């Protein structure tokens, strides 16, 4: 997991492009690999730090392992996991724009075409819209994180 997390998403995208060619699929696969590495590491850290008292208490009362996990560990893990999930969503939105520059489609390829054709007014407009979209996502996810705590 540490190896996957240390490789930048752009490098992953370039390697995946060799296997799948240009298009949307390599971008999606690169983002999925990167997100898997981050979320796996974070889940490992979360599970490692939970309080085992409720799980042991449920186990002592005769609950099976599934119920002990669901009622003892899951309530401790889920809010933190959801916070990390939202954080990865923000990262993926920003990464998808960058991946468009290498041919993964989406708004990044439109931005790249505007820059290559010297349509800086169009590139500036796209940049402003992207900034506003990222800010709206940031405000929404900040609101959700506030509700989780």
N, C-alpha and C. Protein backbone atom coordinates (compact mmCIF):
# COMPACT_ATOMS: atom_id res chain seq x y z
N UNK A 1 0.82 -1.19 0.00
CA UNK A 1 0.00 0.00 0.00
C UNK A 1 0.86 1.26 0.00
N UNK A 2 1.95 1.22 0.75
CA UNK A 2 2.82 2.40 0.79
C UNK A 2 3.43 2.68 -0.57
N UNK A 3 3.75 1.64 -1.31
CA UNK A 3 4.32 1.83 -2.65
C UNK A 3 3.32 2.51 -3.57
N UNK A 4 2.09 2.06 -3.54
CA UNK A 4 1.06 2.66 -4.39
C UNK A 4 0.83 4.12 -4.00
N UNK A 5 0.83 4.41 -2.69
CA UNK A 5 0.57 5.78 -2.24
C UNK A 5 1.67 6.74 -2.62
N UNK A 6 2.90 6.26 -2.77
CA UNK A 6 4.02 7.16 -3.04
C UNK A 6 4.11 7.55 -4.52
N UNK A 7 3.48 6.79 -5.40
CA UNK A 7 3.55 7.09 -6.83
C UNK A 7 2.51 8.16 -7.15
N UNK A 8 2.93 9.28 -7.75
CA UNK A 8 1.96 10.32 -8.12
C UNK A 8 0.95 9.80 -9.14
N UNK A 9 -0.24 10.36 -9.09
CA UNK A 9 -1.32 9.88 -9.96
C UNK A 9 -0.98 10.08 -11.43
N UNK A 10 -0.21 11.11 -11.75
CA UNK A 10 0.16 11.34 -13.14
C UNK A 10 1.06 10.21 -13.66
N UNK A 11 1.96 9.71 -12.82
CA UNK A 11 2.82 8.60 -13.21
C UNK A 11 1.98 7.33 -13.38
N UNK A 12 1.06 7.11 -12.47
CA UNK A 12 0.16 5.95 -12.60
C UNK A 12 -0.62 6.04 -13.91
N UNK A 13 -1.10 7.24 -14.23
CA UNK A 13 -1.88 7.42 -15.46
C UNK A 13 -1.04 7.14 -16.69
N UNK A 14 0.20 7.56 -16.69
CA UNK A 14 1.07 7.31 -17.85
C UNK A 14 1.32 5.81 -18.01
N UNK A 15 1.56 5.11 -16.91
CA UNK A 15 1.78 3.67 -16.98
C UNK A 15 0.52 2.95 -17.45
N UNK A 16 -0.63 3.35 -16.92
CA UNK A 16 -1.90 2.71 -17.30
C UNK A 16 -2.22 2.99 -18.77
N UNK A 17 -1.81 4.16 -19.26
CA UNK A 17 -2.04 4.51 -20.67
C UNK A 17 -1.33 3.54 -21.60
N UNK A 18 -0.16 3.03 -21.19
CA UNK A 18 0.53 2.05 -22.00
C UNK A 18 -0.29 0.77 -22.16
N UNK A 19 -1.06 0.42 -21.15
CA UNK A 19 -1.85 -0.81 -21.20
C UNK A 19 -3.19 -0.62 -21.92
N UNK A 20 -3.84 0.52 -21.70
CA UNK A 20 -5.19 0.72 -22.22
C UNK A 20 -5.28 1.74 -23.37
N UNK A 21 -4.20 2.44 -23.67
CA UNK A 21 -4.25 3.47 -24.70
C UNK A 21 -4.85 4.74 -24.14
N UNK A 22 -5.12 5.70 -25.03
CA UNK A 22 -5.70 6.98 -24.60
C UNK A 22 -7.21 6.86 -24.48
N UNK A 23 -7.78 7.66 -23.62
CA UNK A 23 -9.22 7.68 -23.44
C UNK A 23 -9.57 7.83 -21.97
N UNK A 24 -10.82 7.59 -21.69
CA UNK A 24 -11.34 7.77 -20.34
C UNK A 24 -10.92 6.63 -19.41
N UNK A 25 -10.87 5.41 -19.92
CA UNK A 25 -10.56 4.23 -19.10
C UNK A 25 -9.23 4.35 -18.35
N UNK A 26 -8.13 4.76 -18.99
CA UNK A 26 -6.89 4.88 -18.22
C UNK A 26 -6.97 5.90 -17.08
N UNK A 27 -7.71 6.98 -17.32
CA UNK A 27 -7.88 7.97 -16.26
C UNK A 27 -8.64 7.41 -15.08
N UNK A 28 -9.71 6.69 -15.37
CA UNK A 28 -10.52 6.09 -14.31
C UNK A 28 -9.71 5.05 -13.54
N UNK A 29 -8.96 4.22 -14.26
CA UNK A 29 -8.14 3.18 -13.61
C UNK A 29 -7.05 3.82 -12.75
N UNK A 30 -6.41 4.87 -13.25
CA UNK A 30 -5.36 5.55 -12.48
C UNK A 30 -5.91 6.15 -11.21
N UNK A 31 -7.05 6.82 -11.31
CA UNK A 31 -7.67 7.40 -10.11
C UNK A 31 -8.09 6.30 -9.14
N UNK A 32 -8.62 5.19 -9.66
CA UNK A 32 -9.04 4.08 -8.79
C UNK A 32 -7.85 3.48 -8.05
N UNK A 33 -6.74 3.28 -8.75
CA UNK A 33 -5.54 2.71 -8.10
C UNK A 33 -5.02 3.65 -7.03
N UNK A 34 -4.94 4.93 -7.36
CA UNK A 34 -4.45 5.92 -6.40
C UNK A 34 -5.36 6.00 -5.17
N UNK A 35 -6.68 6.04 -5.41
CA UNK A 35 -7.64 6.12 -4.31
C UNK A 35 -7.61 4.86 -3.46
N UNK A 36 -7.46 3.69 -4.09
CA UNK A 36 -7.37 2.44 -3.36
C UNK A 36 -6.17 2.46 -2.41
N UNK A 37 -5.04 2.97 -2.88
CA UNK A 37 -3.86 3.04 -2.03
C UNK A 37 -4.06 3.94 -0.83
N UNK A 38 -4.65 5.11 -1.06
CA UNK A 38 -4.88 6.05 0.04
C UNK A 38 -5.90 5.49 1.03
N UNK A 39 -7.04 5.02 0.51
CA UNK A 39 -8.10 4.55 1.40
C UNK A 39 -7.68 3.29 2.17
N UNK A 40 -6.91 2.41 1.55
CA UNK A 40 -6.44 1.22 2.26
C UNK A 40 -5.53 1.60 3.42
N UNK A 41 -4.63 2.51 3.18
CA UNK A 41 -3.72 2.95 4.25
C UNK A 41 -4.50 3.64 5.37
N UNK A 42 -5.44 4.47 5.01
CA UNK A 42 -6.22 5.18 6.03
C UNK A 42 -7.09 4.21 6.84
N UNK A 43 -7.69 3.24 6.16
CA UNK A 43 -8.50 2.25 6.89
C UNK A 43 -7.65 1.43 7.84
N UNK A 44 -6.45 1.10 7.42
CA UNK A 44 -5.53 0.38 8.29
C UNK A 44 -5.25 1.20 9.54
N UNK A 45 -4.98 2.50 9.36
CA UNK A 45 -4.70 3.38 10.50
C UNK A 45 -5.91 3.52 11.41
N UNK A 46 -7.10 3.64 10.83
CA UNK A 46 -8.33 3.79 11.62
C UNK A 46 -8.58 2.53 12.44
N UNK A 47 -8.52 1.37 11.81
CA UNK A 47 -8.83 0.11 12.49
C UNK A 47 -7.80 -0.18 13.57
N UNK A 48 -6.57 0.23 13.33
CA UNK A 48 -5.51 -0.01 14.31
C UNK A 48 -5.73 0.77 15.60
N UNK A 49 -6.42 1.90 15.53
CA UNK A 49 -6.57 2.77 16.70
C UNK A 49 -7.92 2.68 17.40
N UNK A 50 -8.82 1.77 16.97
CA UNK A 50 -10.13 1.72 17.62
C UNK A 50 -10.02 1.15 19.02
N UNK A 51 -11.00 1.48 19.82
CA UNK A 51 -11.09 0.96 21.18
C UNK A 51 -11.73 -0.43 21.10
N UNK A 52 -10.99 -1.45 21.52
CA UNK A 52 -11.48 -2.82 21.43
C UNK A 52 -12.42 -3.19 22.58
N UNK A 53 -12.61 -2.29 23.53
CA UNK A 53 -13.49 -2.58 24.66
C UNK A 53 -14.90 -2.98 24.26
N UNK A 54 -15.58 -2.19 23.41
CA UNK A 54 -16.93 -2.59 23.01
C UNK A 54 -16.97 -3.92 22.26
N UNK A 55 -15.97 -4.19 21.43
CA UNK A 55 -15.94 -5.45 20.69
C UNK A 55 -15.76 -6.62 21.66
N UNK A 56 -14.86 -6.47 22.63
CA UNK A 56 -14.64 -7.53 23.61
C UNK A 56 -15.86 -7.72 24.50
N UNK A 57 -16.55 -6.62 24.84
CA UNK A 57 -17.75 -6.74 25.66
C UNK A 57 -18.85 -7.49 24.92
N UNK A 58 -19.03 -7.19 23.66
CA UNK A 58 -20.03 -7.90 22.86
C UNK A 58 -19.64 -9.37 22.69
N UNK A 59 -18.36 -9.62 22.52
CA UNK A 59 -17.89 -11.00 22.39
C UNK A 59 -18.14 -11.76 23.69
N UNK A 60 -17.94 -11.11 24.82
CA UNK A 60 -18.14 -11.76 26.12
C UNK A 60 -19.61 -12.07 26.38
N UNK A 61 -20.52 -11.28 25.78
CA UNK A 61 -21.94 -11.54 25.99
C UNK A 61 -22.49 -12.60 25.05
N UNK A 62 -21.63 -13.12 24.15
CA UNK A 62 -22.06 -14.21 23.29
C UNK A 62 -22.36 -13.79 21.86
N UNK A 63 -22.09 -12.55 21.51
CA UNK A 63 -22.33 -12.12 20.13
C UNK A 63 -21.30 -12.77 19.21
N UNK A 64 -21.73 -13.10 18.00
CA UNK A 64 -20.77 -13.67 17.06
C UNK A 64 -19.84 -12.55 16.55
N UNK A 65 -18.81 -12.94 15.78
CA UNK A 65 -17.80 -11.97 15.33
C UNK A 65 -18.40 -10.88 14.44
N UNK A 66 -19.37 -11.25 13.61
CA UNK A 66 -19.99 -10.26 12.72
C UNK A 66 -20.74 -9.21 13.51
N UNK A 67 -21.53 -9.63 14.48
CA UNK A 67 -22.28 -8.67 15.30
C UNK A 67 -21.35 -7.86 16.19
N UNK A 68 -20.30 -8.49 16.70
CA UNK A 68 -19.34 -7.76 17.52
C UNK A 68 -18.66 -6.66 16.70
N UNK A 69 -18.32 -6.97 15.45
CA UNK A 69 -17.73 -5.95 14.59
C UNK A 69 -18.74 -4.87 14.25
N UNK A 70 -19.95 -5.29 13.85
CA UNK A 70 -20.95 -4.34 13.39
C UNK A 70 -21.38 -3.37 14.49
N UNK A 71 -21.52 -3.85 15.71
CA UNK A 71 -21.98 -2.99 16.79
C UNK A 71 -20.85 -2.42 17.65
N UNK A 72 -19.67 -3.02 17.60
CA UNK A 72 -18.56 -2.55 18.42
C UNK A 72 -17.52 -1.72 17.69
N UNK A 73 -17.15 -2.16 16.49
CA UNK A 73 -16.08 -1.48 15.76
C UNK A 73 -16.63 -0.54 14.68
N UNK A 74 -17.67 -0.95 13.98
CA UNK A 74 -18.19 -0.17 12.86
C UNK A 74 -18.58 1.26 13.25
N UNK A 75 -19.26 1.47 14.38
CA UNK A 75 -19.60 2.85 14.74
C UNK A 75 -18.37 3.74 14.99
N UNK A 76 -17.26 3.14 15.36
CA UNK A 76 -16.04 3.92 15.57
C UNK A 76 -15.33 4.21 14.24
N UNK A 77 -15.43 3.29 13.29
CA UNK A 77 -14.69 3.39 12.04
C UNK A 77 -15.44 4.21 10.99
N UNK A 78 -16.75 4.05 10.90
CA UNK A 78 -17.50 4.61 9.79
C UNK A 78 -17.41 6.14 9.65
N UNK A 79 -17.59 6.94 10.71
CA UNK A 79 -17.50 8.39 10.51
C UNK A 79 -16.13 8.85 10.01
N UNK A 80 -15.09 8.24 10.51
CA UNK A 80 -13.74 8.61 10.08
C UNK A 80 -13.53 8.17 8.63
N UNK A 81 -13.99 6.98 8.29
CA UNK A 81 -13.89 6.49 6.91
C UNK A 81 -14.63 7.41 5.96
N UNK A 82 -15.82 7.84 6.34
CA UNK A 82 -16.60 8.73 5.49
C UNK A 82 -15.88 10.06 5.28
N UNK A 83 -15.24 10.57 6.31
CA UNK A 83 -14.45 11.79 6.18
C UNK A 83 -13.31 11.62 5.20
N UNK A 84 -12.60 10.51 5.27
CA UNK A 84 -11.53 10.23 4.32
C UNK A 84 -12.06 10.01 2.91
N UNK A 85 -13.22 9.40 2.80
CA UNK A 85 -13.83 9.20 1.50
C UNK A 85 -14.14 10.53 0.83
N UNK A 86 -14.68 11.46 1.59
CA UNK A 86 -14.97 12.80 1.07
C UNK A 86 -13.68 13.50 0.66
N UNK A 87 -12.65 13.35 1.47
CA UNK A 87 -11.35 13.95 1.15
C UNK A 87 -10.80 13.39 -0.17
N UNK A 88 -10.89 12.07 -0.35
CA UNK A 88 -10.42 11.46 -1.60
C UNK A 88 -11.26 11.91 -2.78
N UNK A 89 -12.54 12.13 -2.57
CA UNK A 89 -13.39 12.65 -3.64
C UNK A 89 -12.88 14.01 -4.11
N UNK A 90 -12.53 14.88 -3.17
CA UNK A 90 -11.98 16.19 -3.53
C UNK A 90 -10.69 16.04 -4.33
N UNK A 91 -9.81 15.16 -3.89
CA UNK A 91 -8.56 14.93 -4.59
C UNK A 91 -8.83 14.42 -6.00
N UNK A 92 -9.79 13.51 -6.14
CA UNK A 92 -10.09 12.91 -7.45
C UNK A 92 -10.67 13.93 -8.43
N UNK A 93 -11.46 14.87 -7.93
CA UNK A 93 -11.98 15.91 -8.82
C UNK A 93 -10.83 16.74 -9.37
N UNK A 94 -9.90 17.11 -8.52
CA UNK A 94 -8.75 17.89 -8.98
C UNK A 94 -7.87 17.06 -9.92
N UNK A 95 -7.69 15.80 -9.60
CA UNK A 95 -6.84 14.94 -10.43
C UNK A 95 -7.44 14.69 -11.79
N UNK A 96 -8.76 14.61 -11.87
CA UNK A 96 -9.40 14.35 -13.16
C UNK A 96 -9.14 15.47 -14.14
N UNK A 97 -9.02 16.68 -13.66
CA UNK A 97 -8.72 17.81 -14.54
C UNK A 97 -7.30 17.67 -15.09
N UNK A 98 -6.38 17.31 -14.23
CA UNK A 98 -4.98 17.15 -14.66
C UNK A 98 -4.87 15.99 -15.63
N UNK A 99 -5.57 14.90 -15.37
CA UNK A 99 -5.48 13.73 -16.25
C UNK A 99 -6.06 14.01 -17.63
N UNK A 100 -6.97 14.97 -17.73
CA UNK A 100 -7.50 15.33 -19.03
C UNK A 100 -6.42 15.87 -19.96
N UNK A 101 -5.39 16.47 -19.38
CA UNK A 101 -4.30 17.00 -20.20
C UNK A 101 -3.51 15.90 -20.90
N UNK A 102 -3.52 14.69 -20.35
CA UNK A 102 -2.77 13.61 -21.00
C UNK A 102 -3.67 12.73 -21.85
N UNK A 103 -4.88 13.19 -22.10
CA UNK A 103 -5.75 12.47 -23.02
C UNK A 103 -6.80 11.60 -22.39
N UNK A 104 -7.10 11.80 -21.11
CA UNK A 104 -8.11 10.97 -20.45
C UNK A 104 -9.51 11.52 -20.62
N UNK A 105 -9.66 12.57 -21.39
CA UNK A 105 -10.99 13.11 -21.67
C UNK A 105 -11.43 14.11 -20.62
N UNK A 106 -12.68 14.50 -20.72
CA UNK A 106 -13.25 15.42 -19.76
C UNK A 106 -12.83 16.86 -19.99
N UNK A 107 -12.97 17.66 -18.98
CA UNK A 107 -12.72 19.09 -19.07
C UNK A 107 -11.24 19.39 -19.30
N UNK A 108 -10.37 18.53 -18.86
CA UNK A 108 -8.94 18.74 -19.04
C UNK A 108 -8.54 18.75 -20.50
N UNK A 109 -9.17 17.90 -21.30
CA UNK A 109 -8.84 17.86 -22.72
C UNK A 109 -9.38 19.09 -23.44
N UNK A 110 -10.51 19.62 -22.99
CA UNK A 110 -11.05 20.86 -23.55
C UNK A 110 -10.12 22.02 -23.21
N UNK A 111 -9.62 22.02 -21.98
CA UNK A 111 -8.69 23.06 -21.56
C UNK A 111 -7.39 22.97 -22.37
N UNK A 112 -6.89 21.77 -22.56
CA UNK A 112 -5.67 21.57 -23.33
C UNK A 112 -5.85 22.04 -24.78
N UNK A 113 -7.00 21.74 -25.36
CA UNK A 113 -7.27 22.18 -26.74
C UNK A 113 -7.36 23.70 -26.83
N UNK A 114 -7.94 24.34 -25.83
CA UNK A 114 -8.03 25.80 -25.83
C UNK A 114 -6.64 26.43 -25.73
N UNK A 115 -5.78 25.85 -24.93
CA UNK A 115 -4.43 26.39 -24.79
C UNK A 115 -3.63 26.16 -26.06
N UNK A 116 -3.75 24.98 -26.67
CA UNK A 116 -3.01 24.68 -27.89
C UNK A 116 -3.44 25.53 -29.07
N UNK A 117 -4.71 25.96 -29.09
CA UNK A 117 -5.20 26.80 -30.19
C UNK A 117 -5.10 28.29 -29.85
N UNK A 118 -4.37 28.61 -28.79
CA UNK A 118 -4.13 30.00 -28.36
C UNK A 118 -5.42 30.75 -28.05
N UNK A 119 -6.43 30.03 -27.58
CA UNK A 119 -7.69 30.65 -27.16
C UNK A 119 -7.63 30.86 -25.65
N UNK A 120 -6.83 31.82 -25.26
CA UNK A 120 -6.60 32.05 -23.84
C UNK A 120 -7.84 32.60 -23.15
N UNK A 121 -8.70 33.28 -23.89
CA UNK A 121 -9.94 33.73 -23.28
C UNK A 121 -10.81 32.54 -22.88
N UNK A 122 -10.85 31.54 -23.76
CA UNK A 122 -11.61 30.33 -23.45
C UNK A 122 -10.96 29.55 -22.31
N UNK A 123 -9.63 29.44 -22.33
CA UNK A 123 -8.91 28.75 -21.26
C UNK A 123 -9.13 29.46 -19.92
N UNK A 124 -9.14 30.79 -19.96
CA UNK A 124 -9.41 31.55 -18.73
C UNK A 124 -10.81 31.31 -18.21
N UNK A 125 -11.78 31.26 -19.14
CA UNK A 125 -13.16 30.98 -18.73
C UNK A 125 -13.30 29.60 -18.12
N UNK A 126 -12.63 28.63 -18.73
CA UNK A 126 -12.66 27.27 -18.19
C UNK A 126 -12.02 27.23 -16.81
N UNK A 127 -10.92 27.97 -16.65
CA UNK A 127 -10.24 28.02 -15.35
C UNK A 127 -11.15 28.61 -14.28
N UNK A 128 -11.87 29.67 -14.62
CA UNK A 128 -12.78 30.29 -13.65
C UNK A 128 -13.90 29.33 -13.27
N UNK A 129 -14.47 28.64 -14.27
CA UNK A 129 -15.53 27.67 -13.98
C UNK A 129 -14.99 26.53 -13.12
N UNK A 130 -13.80 26.03 -13.45
CA UNK A 130 -13.20 24.96 -12.64
C UNK A 130 -12.97 25.42 -11.21
N UNK A 131 -12.48 26.64 -11.06
CA UNK A 131 -12.26 27.19 -9.72
C UNK A 131 -13.57 27.23 -8.94
N UNK A 132 -14.63 27.70 -9.57
CA UNK A 132 -15.92 27.78 -8.89
C UNK A 132 -16.46 26.40 -8.54
N UNK A 133 -16.30 25.44 -9.45
CA UNK A 133 -16.77 24.08 -9.17
C UNK A 133 -16.00 23.47 -8.00
N UNK A 134 -14.68 23.63 -8.01
CA UNK A 134 -13.86 23.09 -6.92
C UNK A 134 -14.21 23.78 -5.60
N UNK A 135 -14.47 25.08 -5.63
CA UNK A 135 -14.86 25.79 -4.41
C UNK A 135 -16.21 25.31 -3.90
N UNK A 136 -17.17 25.07 -4.81
CA UNK A 136 -18.47 24.55 -4.38
C UNK A 136 -18.32 23.17 -3.77
N UNK A 137 -17.50 22.32 -4.38
CA UNK A 137 -17.26 20.99 -3.82
C UNK A 137 -16.61 21.11 -2.45
N UNK A 138 -15.65 22.02 -2.32
CA UNK A 138 -14.97 22.23 -1.04
C UNK A 138 -15.96 22.69 0.03
N UNK A 139 -16.83 23.63 -0.29
CA UNK A 139 -17.82 24.10 0.68
C UNK A 139 -18.79 22.98 1.07
N UNK A 140 -19.23 22.21 0.08
CA UNK A 140 -20.15 21.11 0.35
C UNK A 140 -19.51 20.05 1.23
N UNK A 141 -18.28 19.67 0.90
CA UNK A 141 -17.63 18.64 1.70
C UNK A 141 -17.26 19.16 3.09
N UNK A 142 -16.96 20.44 3.22
CA UNK A 142 -16.71 21.01 4.56
C UNK A 142 -17.98 20.95 5.39
N UNK A 143 -19.11 21.22 4.75
CA UNK A 143 -20.40 21.13 5.44
C UNK A 143 -20.66 19.69 5.89
N UNK A 144 -20.41 18.72 4.99
CA UNK A 144 -20.61 17.32 5.36
C UNK A 144 -19.69 16.89 6.50
N UNK A 145 -18.42 17.33 6.44
CA UNK A 145 -17.50 16.97 7.53
C UNK A 145 -17.96 17.56 8.85
N UNK A 146 -18.51 18.77 8.82
CA UNK A 146 -19.05 19.38 10.03
C UNK A 146 -20.19 18.58 10.60
N UNK A 147 -21.05 18.05 9.73
CA UNK A 147 -22.17 17.23 10.18
C UNK A 147 -21.72 15.90 10.77
N UNK A 148 -20.57 15.38 10.28
CA UNK A 148 -20.06 14.10 10.79
C UNK A 148 -19.53 14.24 12.22
N UNK A 149 -19.08 15.41 12.57
CA UNK A 149 -18.48 15.58 13.91
C UNK A 149 -19.49 16.06 14.87
